[in-house]
Amino acid sequence: MTQYKEDCRECPRLATFLDQVKLEQPHYFCKPVPPFGDTSIRLLIVGLAPGMHGANRTGRPFTGDFAGILLYKALFHFGFSNQQESIAADDSLKLMDCRITNAVKCLPPQNKPEPKEIKQCNHYLKSELDLLKPRTLVLALGSIAHQSVLSAFQLKKSDYVFSHGARHNLPNQLVLYDSYHCSRYNTQTKRLTEEMFFSVFQSIKKEMEN
């Protein structure tokens, strides 16, 4: 099983949409977005899907749009990166002991992947999760990312309910943390504040240091 396939066209709606965007924005990446970071890690962050003018433009998760501002600020603050801004795939940013991926690798129309697309893409996420060592921490940004992690291991959703700041011991010795997604909507409506987001990272950092 592969973690990522650059020429994947398994979801016709997403593949067609990427073709259309590429015609309108020829300089955009417009392909499945690969994971970013080392493979030997203690923390895997799982987002939802690439943003139109962020990862879909730059080719790196959470890079070049609003959603990445808070995430990379937190990663820098807690020692997971060497700088607090992620502007382009060829900048000097490096992650330490951390990797970022998405539950869905391709840009979906209106930022909303369909359930069958989330399911179709899950084998890529599963292959990433299967590489993780015992006691690795997984941070799901939003309920779809949370459910995608559970789906990869065929775990019952009702046994691991999503809520911001929740911590779940998974039967395969991984630990799943939950946070609201750091989207523009969530931060501007104060559903997710910087303090709330940093609090989750504080718990993660504390567990990693024990």
C-alpha atoms as a PDB file:
ATOM      1  CA  MET A   1       0.000   0.000   0.000  1.00  0.00           C
ATOM      2  CA  THR A   2       1.207   3.464  -0.873  1.00  0.00           C
ATOM      3  CA  GLN A   3       0.916   6.601   1.264  1.00  0.00           C
ATOM      4  CA  TYR A   4       0.496   8.906  -1.692  1.00  0.00           C
ATOM      5  CA  LYS A   5       0.026   8.783  -5.457  1.00  0.00           C
ATOM      6  CA  GLU A   6       0.621  11.961  -7.430  1.00  0.00           C
ATOM      7  CA  ASP A   7      -1.425  10.867 -10.444  1.00  0.00           C
ATOM      8  CA  CYS A   8      -4.346   9.382  -8.474  1.00  0.00           C
ATOM      9  CA  ARG A   9      -7.721   9.859 -10.204  1.00  0.00           C
ATOM     10  CA  GLU A  10      -9.781   7.418  -8.111  1.00  0.00           C
ATOM     11  CA  CYS A  11     -12.465  10.039  -7.418  1.00  0.00           C
ATOM     12  CA  PRO A  12     -13.874  11.273 -10.770  1.00  0.00           C
ATOM     13  CA  ARG A  13     -15.543  14.401  -9.337  1.00  0.00           C
ATOM     14  CA  LEU A  14     -12.345  15.549  -7.622  1.00  0.00           C
ATOM     15  CA  ALA A  15     -10.117  14.703 -10.603  1.00  0.00           C
ATOM     16  CA  THR A  16     -12.391  16.654 -12.971  1.00  0.00           C
ATOM     17  CA  PHE A  17     -12.525  19.605 -10.586  1.00  0.00           C
ATOM     18  CA  LEU A  18      -8.717  19.696 -10.348  1.00  0.00           C
ATOM     19  CA  ASP A  19      -8.523  19.695 -14.168  1.00  0.00           C
ATOM     20  CA  GLN A  20     -10.869  22.697 -14.287  1.00  0.00           C
ATOM     21  CA  VAL A  21      -8.930  24.620 -11.633  1.00  0.00           C
ATOM     22  CA  LYS A  22      -5.642  23.911 -13.433  1.00  0.00           C
ATOM     23  CA  LEU A  23      -7.046  25.488 -16.602  1.00  0.00           C
ATOM     24  CA  GLU A  24      -8.064  28.607 -14.652  1.00  0.00           C
ATOM     25  CA  GLN A  25      -4.920  28.667 -12.486  1.00  0.00           C
ATOM     26  CA  PRO A  26      -2.093  27.088 -14.527  1.00  0.00           C
ATOM     27  CA  HIS A  27       0.521  27.887 -11.865  1.00  0.00           C
ATOM     28  CA  TYR A  28      -1.372  26.052  -9.096  1.00  0.00           C
ATOM     29  CA  PHE A  29      -0.239  22.588  -7.942  1.00  0.00           C
ATOM     30  CA  CYS A  30      -3.674  21.030  -8.664  1.00  0.00           C
ATOM     31  CA  LYS A  31      -2.760  17.428  -7.802  1.00  0.00           C
ATOM     32  CA  PRO A  32      -3.175  15.183  -4.757  1.00  0.00           C
ATOM     33  CA  VAL A  33      -1.164  16.944  -2.034  1.00  0.00           C
ATOM     34  CA  PRO A  34       1.587  14.798  -0.450  1.00  0.00           C
ATOM     35  CA  PRO A  35       2.169  14.603   3.308  1.00  0.00           C
ATOM     36  CA  PHE A  36       4.775  16.982   4.739  1.00  0.00           C
ATOM     37  CA  GLY A  37       7.439  16.142   7.317  1.00  0.00           C
ATOM     38  CA  ASP A  38       9.601  13.286   8.498  1.00  0.00           C
ATOM     39  CA  THR A  39       8.450   9.675   8.538  1.00  0.00           C
ATOM     40  CA  SER A  40      10.076   8.851  11.891  1.00  0.00           C
ATOM     41  CA  ILE A  41       7.854  10.940  14.166  1.00  0.00           C
ATOM     42  CA  ARG A  42       6.018  11.151  17.489  1.00  0.00           C
ATOM     43  CA  LEU A  43       3.153  13.319  16.181  1.00  0.00           C
ATOM     44  CA  LEU A  44       1.004  12.967  13.048  1.00  0.00           C
ATOM     45  CA  ILE A  45      -1.444  15.791  12.321  1.00  0.00           C
ATOM     46  CA  VAL A  46      -4.444  14.916  10.137  1.00  0.00           C
ATOM     47  CA  GLY A  47      -6.396  17.689   8.430  1.00  0.00           C
ATOM     48  CA  LEU A  48      -9.465  17.484   6.183  1.00  0.00           C
ATOM     49  CA  ALA A  49      -8.420  18.325   2.601  1.00  0.00           C
ATOM     50  CA  PRO A  50      -6.326  20.869   0.653  1.00  0.00           C
ATOM     51  CA  GLY A  51      -7.670  24.426   0.435  1.00  0.00           C
ATOM     52  CA  MET A  52      -8.177  26.068  -2.969  1.00  0.00           C
ATOM     53  CA  HIS A  53      -5.584  28.834  -2.535  1.00  0.00           C
ATOM     54  CA  GLY A  54      -3.517  27.066   0.118  1.00  0.00           C
ATOM     55  CA  ALA A  55      -2.256  23.498  -0.303  1.00  0.00           C
ATOM     56  CA  ASN A  56      -3.873  23.150  -3.730  1.00  0.00           C
ATOM     57  CA  ARG A  57      -1.856  26.176  -4.866  1.00  0.00           C
ATOM     58  CA  THR A  58       1.436  25.480  -3.100  1.00  0.00           C
ATOM     59  CA  GLY A  59       1.531  21.669  -2.950  1.00  0.00           C
ATOM     60  CA  ARG A  60       2.118  21.524   0.822  1.00  0.00           C
ATOM     61  CA  PRO A  61      -0.504  20.942   3.550  1.00  0.00           C
ATOM     62  CA  PHE A  62      -1.820  24.093   5.279  1.00  0.00           C
ATOM     63  CA  THR A  63       0.593  26.300   3.323  1.00  0.00           C
ATOM     64  CA  GLY A  64      -0.302  29.676   1.859  1.00  0.00           C
ATOM     65  CA  ASP A  65      -3.804  30.171   3.262  1.00  0.00           C
ATOM     66  CA  PHE A  66      -5.563  31.255   6.448  1.00  0.00           C
ATOM     67  CA  ALA A  67      -5.969  27.749   7.934  1.00  0.00           C
ATOM     68  CA  GLY A  68      -2.207  27.319   8.206  1.00  0.00           C
ATOM     69  CA  ILE A  69      -1.559  30.508  10.181  1.00  0.00           C
ATOM     70  CA  LEU A  70      -2.623  29.177  13.572  1.00  0.00           C
ATOM     71  CA  LEU A  71      -1.338  25.645  12.934  1.00  0.00           C
ATOM     72  CA  TYR A  72       2.212  26.662  12.054  1.00  0.00           C
ATOM     73  CA  LYS A  73       2.267  29.241  14.842  1.00  0.00           C
ATOM     74  CA  ALA A  74       1.435  26.443  17.298  1.00  0.00           C
ATOM     75  CA  LEU A  75       3.983  24.063  15.773  1.00  0.00           C
ATOM     76  CA  PHE A  76       6.726  26.678  16.126  1.00  0.00           C
ATOM     77  CA  HIS A  77       5.670  27.640  19.654  1.00  0.00           C
ATOM     78  CA  PHE A  78       5.829  24.015  20.847  1.00  0.00           C
ATOM     79  CA  GLY A  79       9.080  23.152  19.091  1.00  0.00           C
ATOM     80  CA  PHE A  80       7.753  21.127  16.159  1.00  0.00           C
ATOM     81  CA  SER A  81       9.042  23.507  13.466  1.00  0.00           C
ATOM     82  CA  ASN A  82      11.926  25.924  12.842  1.00  0.00           C
ATOM     83  CA  GLN A  83       9.734  28.875  11.832  1.00  0.00           C
ATOM     84  CA  GLN A  84       6.188  30.022  12.490  1.00  0.00           C
ATOM     85  CA  GLU A  85       5.061  30.776   8.933  1.00  0.00           C
ATOM     86  CA  SER A  86       4.532  28.389   6.032  1.00  0.00           C
ATOM     87  CA  ILE A  87       4.445  30.410   2.826  1.00  0.00           C
ATOM     88  CA  ALA A  88       5.580  28.125   0.003  1.00  0.00           C
ATOM     89  CA  ALA A  89       6.678  24.530  -0.523  1.00  0.00           C
ATOM     90  CA  ASP A  90      10.234  25.679  -1.238  1.00  0.00           C
ATOM     91  CA  ASP A  91      10.695  27.923   1.794  1.00  0.00           C
ATOM     92  CA  SER A  92      13.114  26.962   4.584  1.00  0.00           C
ATOM     93  CA  LEU A  93      10.474  25.583   6.964  1.00  0.00           C
ATOM     94  CA  LYS A  94      11.243  22.193   8.506  1.00  0.00           C
ATOM     95  CA  LEU A  95       9.176  20.063  10.869  1.00  0.00           C
ATOM     96  CA  MET A  96      10.711  18.235  13.826  1.00  0.00           C
ATOM     97  CA  ASP A  97       9.248  14.961  15.125  1.00  0.00           C
ATOM     98  CA  CYS A  98       6.033  15.848  13.309  1.00  0.00           C
ATOM     99  CA  ARG A  99       4.252  15.165  10.021  1.00  0.00           C
ATOM    100  CA  ILE A 100       1.138  16.726   8.450  1.00  0.00           C
ATOM    101  CA  THR A 101      -1.297  14.982   6.130  1.00  0.00           C
ATOM    102  CA  ASN A 102      -4.950  15.171   5.074  1.00  0.00           C
ATOM    103  CA  ALA A 103      -7.833  12.722   5.208  1.00  0.00           C
ATOM    104  CA  VAL A 104      -8.593  13.632   1.567  1.00  0.00           C
ATOM    105  CA  LYS A 105      -5.577  14.386  -0.634  1.00  0.00           C
ATOM    106  CA  CYS A 106      -7.377  16.404  -3.370  1.00  0.00           C
ATOM    107  CA  LEU A 107      -9.139  19.762  -3.308  1.00  0.00           C
ATOM    108  CA  PRO A 108     -12.939  19.215  -3.095  1.00  0.00           C
ATOM    109  CA  PRO A 109     -15.491  21.706  -4.504  1.00  0.00           C
ATOM    110  CA  GLN A 110     -16.671  24.123  -1.777  1.00  0.00           C
ATOM    111  CA  ASN A 111     -14.142  22.434   0.579  1.00  0.00           C
ATOM    112  CA  LYS A 112     -16.651  19.594   1.053  1.00  0.00           C
ATOM    113  CA  PRO A 113     -15.592  16.078   0.080  1.00  0.00           C
ATOM    114  CA  GLU A 114     -18.419  13.590  -0.372  1.00  0.00           C
ATOM    115  CA  PRO A 115     -18.598  10.569   1.976  1.00  0.00           C
ATOM    116  CA  LYS A 116     -17.623   8.172  -0.839  1.00  0.00           C
ATOM    117  CA  GLU A 117     -14.536  10.315  -1.585  1.00  0.00           C
ATOM    118  CA  ILE A 118     -13.472  10.304   2.061  1.00  0.00           C
ATOM    119  CA  LYS A 119     -13.888   6.531   2.050  1.00  0.00           C
ATOM    120  CA  GLN A 120     -12.041   6.088  -1.258  1.00  0.00           C
ATOM    121  CA  CYS A 121      -9.042   8.113  -0.048  1.00  0.00           C
ATOM    122  CA  ASN A 122      -8.842   6.349   3.306  1.00  0.00           C
ATOM    123  CA  HIS A 123      -6.390   3.675   2.162  1.00  0.00           C
ATOM    124  CA  TYR A 124      -3.714   6.365   1.727  1.00  0.00           C
ATOM    125  CA  LEU A 125      -4.233   7.566   5.300  1.00  0.00           C
ATOM    126  CA  LYS A 126      -4.256   3.970   6.554  1.00  0.00           C
ATOM    127  CA  SER A 127      -0.874   3.312   4.962  1.00  0.00           C
ATOM    128  CA  GLU A 128       0.536   6.353   6.783  1.00  0.00           C
ATOM    129  CA  LEU A 129      -0.966   5.336  10.110  1.00  0.00           C
ATOM    130  CA  ASP A 130       0.298   1.763   9.737  1.00  0.00           C
ATOM    131  CA  LEU A 131       3.876   3.081   9.684  1.00  0.00           C
ATOM    132  CA  LEU A 132       3.572   4.773  13.076  1.00  0.00           C
ATOM    133  CA  LYS A 133       5.365   3.325  16.077  1.00  0.00           C
ATOM    134  CA  PRO A 134       3.445   2.425  19.264  1.00  0.00           C
ATOM    135  CA  ARG A 135       2.621   5.440  21.468  1.00  0.00           C
ATOM    136  CA  THR A 136       2.755   7.849  18.528  1.00  0.00           C
ATOM    137  CA  LEU A 137       0.234  10.672  18.957  1.00  0.00           C
ATOM    138  CA  VAL A 138      -2.253  11.534  16.212  1.00  0.00           C
ATOM    139  CA  LEU A 139      -3.984  14.928  16.205  1.00  0.00           C
ATOM    140  CA  ALA A 140      -7.221  15.062  14.214  1.00  0.00           C
ATOM    141  CA  LEU A 141      -8.240  18.549  13.104  1.00  0.00           C
ATOM    142  CA  GLY A 142     -12.026  18.331  12.911  1.00  0.00           C
ATOM    143  CA  SER A 143     -14.552  15.516  13.066  1.00  0.00           C
ATOM    144  CA  ILE A 144     -13.989  14.214   9.516  1.00  0.00           C
ATOM    145  CA  ALA A 145     -10.263  13.760  10.167  1.00  0.00           C
ATOM    146  CA  HIS A 146     -11.147  12.068  13.473  1.00  0.00           C
ATOM    147  CA  GLN A 147     -13.581   9.682  11.778  1.00  0.00           C
ATOM    148  CA  SER A 148     -11.113   8.964   8.984  1.00  0.00           C
ATOM    149  CA  VAL A 149      -8.507   7.803  11.505  1.00  0.00           C
ATOM    150  CA  LEU A 150     -11.080   5.503  13.110  1.00  0.00           C
ATOM    151  CA  SER A 151     -12.160   4.190   9.692  1.00  0.00           C
ATOM    152  CA  ALA A 152      -8.559   3.332   8.820  1.00  0.00           C
ATOM    153  CA  PHE A 153      -8.514   0.952  11.796  1.00  0.00           C
ATOM    154  CA  GLN A 154     -12.154  -0.172  11.407  1.00  0.00           C
ATOM    155  CA  LEU A 155     -13.009   1.195  14.846  1.00  0.00           C
ATOM    156  CA  LYS A 156     -16.567   2.041  15.927  1.00  0.00           C
ATOM    157  CA  LYS A 157     -17.228   5.784  15.846  1.00  0.00           C
ATOM    158  CA  SER A 158     -19.504   5.514  18.888  1.00  0.00           C
ATOM    159  CA  ASP A 159     -16.600   4.211  20.999  1.00  0.00           C
ATOM    160  CA  TYR A 160     -14.464   7.293  20.311  1.00  0.00           C
ATOM    161  CA  VAL A 161     -16.630  10.413  20.222  1.00  0.00           C
ATOM    162  CA  PHE A 162     -15.100  13.565  18.758  1.00  0.00           C
ATOM    163  CA  SER A 163     -14.850  16.620  21.000  1.00  0.00           C
ATOM    164  CA  HIS A 164     -12.334  19.428  21.200  1.00  0.00           C
ATOM    165  CA  GLY A 165      -9.456  18.512  23.506  1.00  0.00           C
ATOM    166  CA  ALA A 166     -10.494  14.864  23.805  1.00  0.00           C
ATOM    167  CA  ARG A 167      -7.848  12.137  24.129  1.00  0.00           C
ATOM    168  CA  HIS A 168      -8.499   8.546  23.028  1.00  0.00           C
ATOM    169  CA  ASN A 169      -6.378   5.452  23.613  1.00  0.00           C
ATOM    170  CA  LEU A 170      -6.671   3.353  20.463  1.00  0.00           C
ATOM    171  CA  PRO A 171      -6.348  -0.448  20.662  1.00  0.00           C
ATOM    172  CA  ASN A 172      -3.240  -0.440  18.437  1.00  0.00           C
ATOM    173  CA  GLN A 173      -1.268   1.612  21.024  1.00  0.00           C
ATOM    174  CA  LEU A 174      -1.669   4.912  19.184  1.00  0.00           C
ATOM    175  CA  VAL A 175      -3.178   7.919  20.967  1.00  0.00           C
ATOM    176  CA  LEU A 176      -5.736  10.108  19.183  1.00  0.00           C
ATOM    177  CA  TYR A 177      -6.221  13.755  20.175  1.00  0.00           C
ATOM    178  CA  ASP A 178      -9.052  15.922  18.831  1.00  0.00           C
ATOM    179  CA  SER A 179      -9.207  19.619  18.013  1.00  0.00           C
ATOM    180  CA  TYR A 180     -11.627  21.785  16.121  1.00  0.00           C
ATOM    181  CA  HIS A 181     -10.211  22.552  12.684  1.00  0.00           C
ATOM    182  CA  CYS A 182      -8.134  25.740  12.499  1.00  0.00           C
ATOM    183  CA  SER A 183     -10.211  27.093   9.604  1.00  0.00           C
ATOM    184  CA  ARG A 184     -10.968  30.763   9.046  1.00  0.00           C
ATOM    185  CA  TYR A 185     -14.624  30.162   9.948  1.00  0.00           C
ATOM    186  CA  ASN A 186     -13.811  28.473  13.279  1.00  0.00           C
ATOM    187  CA  THR A 187     -11.246  31.065  14.354  1.00  0.00           C
ATOM    188  CA  GLN A 188     -13.257  34.112  13.277  1.00  0.00           C
ATOM    189  CA  THR A 189     -16.411  32.872  15.026  1.00  0.00           C
ATOM    190  CA  LYS A 190     -14.287  32.080  18.133  1.00  0.00           C
ATOM    191  CA  ARG A 191     -15.385  28.455  18.043  1.00  0.00           C
ATOM    192  CA  LEU A 192     -11.639  27.870  18.174  1.00  0.00           C
ATOM    193  CA  THR A 193      -9.413  30.406  19.897  1.00  0.00           C
ATOM    194  CA  GLU A 194      -5.631  30.412  19.964  1.00  0.00           C
ATOM    195  CA  GLU A 195      -5.787  29.565  23.665  1.00  0.00           C
ATOM    196  CA  MET A 196      -8.006  26.519  22.981  1.00  0.00           C
ATOM    197  CA  PHE A 197      -5.718  25.319  20.187  1.00  0.00           C
ATOM    198  CA  PHE A 198      -2.531  25.836  22.183  1.00  0.00           C
ATOM    199  CA  SER A 199      -4.089  23.951  25.089  1.00  0.00           C
ATOM    200  CA  VAL A 200      -4.371  20.796  22.961  1.00  0.00           C
ATOM    201  CA  PHE A 201      -0.723  21.132  21.893  1.00  0.00           C
ATOM    202  CA  GLN A 202       0.260  21.665  25.519  1.00  0.00           C
ATOM    203  CA  SER A 203      -1.338  18.318  26.418  1.00  0.00           C
ATOM    204  CA  ILE A 204       0.395  16.635  23.468  1.00  0.00           C
ATOM    205  CA  LYS A 205       3.797  18.083  24.374  1.00  0.00           C
ATOM    206  CA  LYS A 206       3.390  17.084  28.010  1.00  0.00           C
ATOM    207  CA  GLU A 207       2.550  13.498  27.045  1.00  0.00           C
ATOM    208  CA  MET A 208       5.509  13.302  24.669  1.00  0.00           C
ATOM    209  CA  GLU A 209       7.860  14.436  27.429  1.00  0.00           C
ATOM    210  CA  ASN A 210       6.690  11.821  29.943  1.00  0.00           C
END
